[in-house]
Amino acid sequence: MLLAVAAVDGCQRPPGPAPRPSAVTPSPTGVTAPADFVLLSEVDPSIAVDIRYATAHNFVGRPVDGYPEPLCLLTRTAAEALRRVQTAARAQGRSLRVYDCYRPQRAVDDFVRWAQDPADQRMKAEFYPGVDKSRLFDDGYLGAPTAHSRGSTLDLTLEPVPAPPGATFTPGQPLVACTAPAGRRFADGGVDMGTGFDCFDPLAHTDDPRVTGTPRQNRHLLRRLMEQGGFVNYDREWWHYRYADEPYPNMYFDFPVAVSSLPPR
């Protein structure tokens, strides 16, 4: 389903107050992706894929609407650019791990519904330990709509080569704040970036001055590699990058994250 622009993109905002979620009106154009959407694993199978919104290990604590399969879908131009970034990262002794890629509008709508339920705080202790849930949109940690729905934006980190085995998340296990030191917070196999992924806290801002030493170096390496590959960072999230020359800058899609959403090859 193709969606027309109806609000400021929540993932491209400059610093400052963020707009509240706005409705996006869908147009009845089908449920399959455009022909230039691809599976990242088909473009570069060496990039690790850890799609958190298809699991219970995310800030809502359950699989998110629109993620029936744990896949990274991207426009071909973004996927091929990311393949070039991976080549450069491997030359630095690192590899890429993606957490989220294309995100359907229905997932964004699910986030909005979740944000409107103040009683649901099951994942607060890990993902937003120091921020009130009611502030997540206003403070710029969530956006509706989002550049992810255009197919050329992704969330990612670096991991060592070879990558260590990541921890296994079990729903109901004790949660550790994403702002805790690397030896205490959830270890997914990525390098130390100073916070965990989807950490809704100022400490996750890419250039937060409190992040020093190796974590800061890791953030700067990721940004340098991604910028050289044509991607632009969102300064409030060290993990968030948009391909600057994206082919659909004014469209938001709503097909599910599934192989069946892709047109026949």
Protein backbone atom coordinates (compact mmCIF):
# COMPACT_ATOMS: atom_id res chain seq x y z
CA MET A 1 0.00 0.00 0.00
CA LEU A 2 1.39 3.39 -0.99
CA LEU A 3 0.99 6.34 1.33
CA ALA A 4 1.14 10.05 0.55
CA VAL A 5 3.12 12.50 2.65
CA ALA A 6 0.99 13.96 5.42
CA ALA A 7 3.44 15.07 8.14
CA VAL A 8 7.00 16.03 8.86
CA ASP A 9 9.22 12.95 8.83
CA GLY A 10 9.83 11.95 12.43
CA CYS A 11 13.28 10.50 11.69
CA GLN A 12 14.70 13.51 9.82
CA ARG A 13 13.88 16.28 12.26
CA PRO A 14 16.56 18.73 13.35
CA PRO A 15 17.04 19.10 17.12
CA GLY A 16 14.10 20.77 18.83
CA PRO A 17 10.49 19.99 19.71
CA ALA A 18 9.05 17.19 17.60
CA PRO A 19 5.54 17.18 16.16
CA ARG A 20 2.94 14.85 17.54
CA PRO A 21 1.94 11.83 15.40
CA SER A 22 -0.15 12.80 12.39
CA ALA A 23 -2.52 10.69 10.34
CA VAL A 24 -1.32 9.44 6.96
CA THR A 25 -4.05 8.66 4.45
CA PRO A 26 -3.47 5.41 2.51
CA SER A 27 -4.32 5.09 -1.15
CA PRO A 28 -5.59 1.75 -2.52
CA THR A 29 -2.58 0.77 -4.62
CA GLY A 30 -2.05 -2.85 -3.60
CA VAL A 31 -0.03 -4.71 -0.97
CA THR A 32 3.17 -5.52 -2.86
CA ALA A 33 6.42 -3.57 -2.91
CA PRO A 34 7.66 -1.67 -5.95
CA ALA A 35 9.87 -3.69 -8.28
CA ASP A 36 13.08 -2.14 -6.94
CA PHE A 37 12.66 -3.43 -3.37
CA VAL A 38 14.95 -6.35 -2.49
CA LEU A 39 15.97 -8.62 0.36
CA LEU A 40 19.25 -7.41 1.81
CA SER A 41 20.33 -11.05 2.25
CA GLU A 42 20.17 -11.49 -1.53
CA VAL A 43 22.35 -8.44 -2.13
CA ASP A 44 24.90 -9.15 0.63
CA PRO A 45 24.40 -12.28 2.76
CA SER A 46 27.45 -11.39 4.89
CA ILE A 47 25.54 -8.61 6.68
CA ALA A 48 24.00 -9.89 9.92
CA VAL A 49 20.23 -9.40 10.21
CA ASP A 50 18.71 -9.00 13.69
CA ILE A 51 15.21 -7.60 13.10
CA ARG A 52 14.08 -6.75 16.61
CA TYR A 53 10.50 -5.72 15.73
CA ALA A 54 9.73 -9.26 14.57
CA THR A 55 10.54 -10.46 18.10
CA ALA A 56 9.58 -9.65 21.68
CA HIS A 57 12.90 -7.92 22.36
CA ASN A 58 12.00 -4.36 21.56
CA PHE A 59 10.52 -1.37 23.36
CA VAL A 60 6.91 -2.61 23.05
CA GLY A 61 7.79 -6.11 24.28
CA ARG A 62 6.10 -8.13 21.51
CA PRO A 63 6.27 -8.60 17.73
CA VAL A 64 5.16 -5.40 16.02
CA ASP A 65 2.31 -5.27 13.50
CA GLY A 66 3.64 -5.63 9.96
CA TYR A 67 6.64 -7.85 10.78
CA PRO A 68 5.53 -11.44 10.10
CA GLU A 69 9.09 -12.34 9.03
CA PRO A 70 12.48 -11.18 10.43
CA LEU A 71 13.75 -9.72 7.16
CA CYS A 72 15.56 -6.62 5.96
CA LEU A 73 13.80 -5.16 2.92
CA LEU A 74 15.32 -2.11 1.22
CA THR A 75 15.26 -0.33 -2.09
CA ARG A 76 17.92 -1.78 -4.35
CA THR A 77 19.89 1.47 -4.42
CA ALA A 78 20.09 1.54 -0.62
CA ALA A 79 20.92 -2.17 -0.39
CA GLU A 80 23.72 -1.90 -2.95
CA ALA A 81 25.10 1.17 -1.17
CA LEU A 82 25.05 -0.81 2.09
CA ARG A 83 26.94 -3.63 0.39
CA ARG A 84 29.71 -1.14 -0.42
CA VAL A 85 29.70 0.02 3.21
CA GLN A 86 30.07 -3.60 4.30
CA THR A 87 33.13 -4.00 2.07
CA ALA A 88 34.68 -0.92 3.68
CA ALA A 89 33.76 -2.13 7.18
CA ARG A 90 35.38 -5.52 6.58
CA ALA A 91 38.58 -3.72 5.58
CA GLN A 92 38.47 -2.14 9.08
CA GLY A 93 38.01 -5.53 10.77
CA ARG A 94 34.31 -4.93 11.38
CA SER A 95 31.02 -6.10 9.89
CA LEU A 96 27.50 -4.68 9.80
CA ARG A 97 24.50 -5.85 11.83
CA VAL A 98 21.08 -4.42 10.92
CA TYR A 99 18.24 -4.09 13.42
CA ASP A 100 15.54 -2.61 11.19
CA CYS A 101 15.18 -1.62 7.54
CA TYR A 102 11.94 -0.90 5.69
CA ARG A 103 9.16 -0.37 8.26
CA PRO A 104 5.51 -0.49 7.13
CA GLN A 105 3.15 2.31 8.11
CA ARG A 106 1.04 -0.20 10.05
CA ALA A 107 4.03 -0.71 12.37
CA VAL A 108 4.23 3.04 12.94
CA ASP A 109 0.51 3.03 13.72
CA ASP A 110 1.17 0.22 16.20
CA PHE A 111 3.81 2.37 17.91
CA VAL A 112 1.31 5.24 18.15
CA ARG A 113 -1.30 2.98 19.77
CA TRP A 114 1.30 1.66 22.19
CA ALA A 115 2.40 5.18 23.11
CA GLN A 116 -1.20 6.10 23.89
CA ASP A 117 -1.44 3.32 26.52
CA PRO A 118 0.34 4.67 29.61
CA ALA A 119 -0.29 1.44 31.52
CA ASP A 120 1.95 -0.61 29.22
CA GLN A 121 5.41 -0.09 30.70
CA ARG A 122 6.70 -3.65 30.45
CA MET A 123 9.96 -2.71 28.65
CA LYS A 124 10.64 0.65 30.30
CA ALA A 125 13.47 -0.63 32.47
CA GLU A 126 15.56 -1.45 29.41
CA PHE A 127 14.58 0.90 26.60
CA TYR A 128 13.47 4.19 28.21
CA PRO A 129 14.55 3.99 31.86
CA GLY A 130 15.00 7.75 32.28
CA VAL A 131 12.37 9.14 29.88
CA ASP A 132 8.63 9.32 30.46
CA LYS A 133 6.74 7.28 27.88
CA SER A 134 4.47 10.24 27.12
CA ARG A 135 7.54 12.17 25.84
CA LEU A 136 8.82 9.67 23.29
CA PHE A 137 7.27 11.40 20.26
CA ASP A 138 7.77 14.96 21.50
CA ASP A 139 11.43 14.27 22.30
CA GLY A 140 12.11 12.84 18.84
CA TYR A 141 12.69 9.19 19.74
CA LEU A 142 9.68 8.05 17.72
CA GLY A 143 8.30 9.57 14.52
CA ALA A 144 5.00 9.20 12.68
CA PRO A 145 5.42 8.88 9.79
CA THR A 146 9.04 7.73 9.54
CA ALA A 147 11.68 7.64 6.82
CA HIS A 148 11.86 3.88 7.39
CA SER A 149 8.55 3.54 5.54
CA ARG A 150 10.18 4.90 2.38
CA GLY A 151 12.48 1.89 2.12
CA SER A 152 15.94 3.50 2.17
CA THR A 153 16.47 4.00 5.92
CA LEU A 154 17.84 1.47 8.36
CA ASP A 155 19.07 0.96 11.92
CA LEU A 156 22.39 -0.81 12.37
CA THR A 157 25.60 -1.26 14.31
CA LEU A 158 29.07 -2.72 13.86
CA GLU A 159 30.20 -6.10 15.11
CA PRO A 160 33.63 -7.71 15.41
CA VAL A 161 34.92 -10.21 12.86
CA PRO A 162 34.25 -12.92 13.79
CA ALA A 163 31.26 -11.85 15.87
CA PRO A 164 30.86 -13.34 19.35
CA PRO A 165 27.64 -15.21 20.07
CA GLY A 166 24.91 -12.83 21.15
CA ALA A 167 22.77 -13.23 24.24
CA THR A 168 19.36 -14.83 23.96
CA PHE A 169 16.35 -12.80 25.09
CA THR A 170 13.56 -14.58 26.95
CA PRO A 171 10.32 -12.67 27.58
CA GLY A 172 9.96 -11.99 31.28
CA GLN A 173 13.66 -12.04 32.06
CA PRO A 174 15.07 -9.26 34.26
CA LEU A 175 15.75 -6.14 32.20
CA VAL A 176 18.91 -4.03 32.37
CA ALA A 177 18.90 -0.38 31.34
CA CYS A 178 20.18 0.29 27.82
CA THR A 179 22.33 3.02 29.37
CA ALA A 180 24.18 0.58 31.64
CA PRO A 181 27.86 -0.25 30.96
CA ALA A 182 28.53 -2.71 28.15
CA GLY A 183 29.31 -5.54 30.53
CA ARG A 184 25.86 -5.30 32.13
CA ARG A 185 23.36 -4.38 29.41
CA PHE A 186 22.01 -6.83 26.83
CA ALA A 187 24.86 -8.12 24.65
CA ASP A 188 23.76 -8.83 21.08
CA GLY A 189 27.24 -9.34 19.62
CA GLY A 190 27.75 -5.77 18.43
CA VAL A 191 30.62 -3.52 19.46
CA ASP A 192 30.24 -1.14 22.40
CA MET A 193 28.36 1.95 21.19
CA GLY A 194 27.78 3.40 24.64
CA THR A 195 24.11 2.35 24.78
CA GLY A 196 21.99 -0.46 23.45
CA PHE A 197 19.88 -0.23 20.28
CA ASP A 198 16.62 1.74 20.53
CA CYS A 199 17.79 3.35 23.73
CA PHE A 200 15.45 6.31 24.24
CA ASP A 201 17.84 8.47 26.19
CA PRO A 202 20.03 11.51 25.43
CA LEU A 203 23.04 9.23 25.89
CA ALA A 204 22.11 7.65 22.54
CA HIS A 205 22.54 10.96 20.69
CA THR A 206 25.38 10.31 18.26
CA ASP A 207 27.67 13.02 19.65
CA ASP A 208 26.61 13.05 23.29
CA PRO A 209 29.74 14.35 25.04
CA ARG A 210 29.41 11.84 27.87
CA VAL A 211 30.21 9.01 25.45
CA THR A 212 34.00 8.83 25.26
CA GLY A 213 36.79 6.37 24.52
CA THR A 214 36.06 3.22 22.54
CA PRO A 215 32.27 3.69 22.30
CA ARG A 216 32.75 7.16 20.80
CA GLN A 217 35.34 5.82 18.37
CA ASN A 218 32.91 3.08 17.33
CA ARG A 219 30.12 5.60 16.72
CA HIS A 220 32.42 7.77 14.64
CA LEU A 221 33.66 4.78 12.63
CA LEU A 222 30.11 3.75 11.84
CA ARG A 223 29.19 7.30 10.84
CA ARG A 224 32.29 7.71 8.68
CA LEU A 225 31.66 4.43 6.87
CA MET A 226 27.98 5.21 6.33
CA GLU A 227 28.56 8.79 5.21
CA GLN A 228 31.18 7.63 2.72
CA GLY A 229 28.54 5.23 1.43
CA GLY A 230 26.00 8.00 0.89
CA PHE A 231 23.99 7.71 4.12
CA VAL A 232 23.00 10.46 6.57
CA ASN A 233 22.79 9.97 10.34
CA TYR A 234 19.89 11.12 12.54
CA ASP A 235 21.73 12.88 15.36
CA ARG A 236 19.49 11.60 18.18
CA GLU A 237 20.11 7.93 17.34
CA TRP A 238 23.62 6.61 16.69
CA TRP A 239 22.10 3.60 14.87
CA HIS A 240 19.81 5.44 12.40
CA TYR A 241 20.86 6.17 8.79
CA ARG A 242 18.99 7.28 5.67
CA TYR A 243 20.31 6.90 2.14
CA ALA A 244 20.58 10.50 0.94
CA ASP A 245 19.67 9.78 -2.68
CA GLU A 246 16.59 7.74 -1.78
CA PRO A 247 14.30 6.90 -4.71
CA TYR A 248 11.02 7.51 -2.82
CA PRO A 249 11.53 10.71 -0.80
CA ASN A 250 7.84 11.62 -0.77
CA MET A 251 6.14 8.24 -0.30
CA TYR A 252 5.35 5.97 2.64
CA PHE A 253 4.60 2.28 2.06
CA ASP A 254 2.55 -0.19 4.08
CA PHE A 255 3.20 -3.68 2.68
CA PRO A 256 4.26 -6.25 5.36
CA VAL A 257 7.86 -7.23 5.94
CA ALA A 258 7.61 -10.57 4.16
CA VAL A 259 8.99 -12.32 1.09
CA SER A 260 5.47 -12.45 -0.30
CA SER A 261 5.39 -8.64 -0.39
CA LEU A 262 8.09 -8.55 -3.02
CA PRO A 263 7.04 -8.75 -6.68
CA PRO A 264 7.83 -12.03 -8.49
CA ARG A 265 11.40 -12.15 -9.73
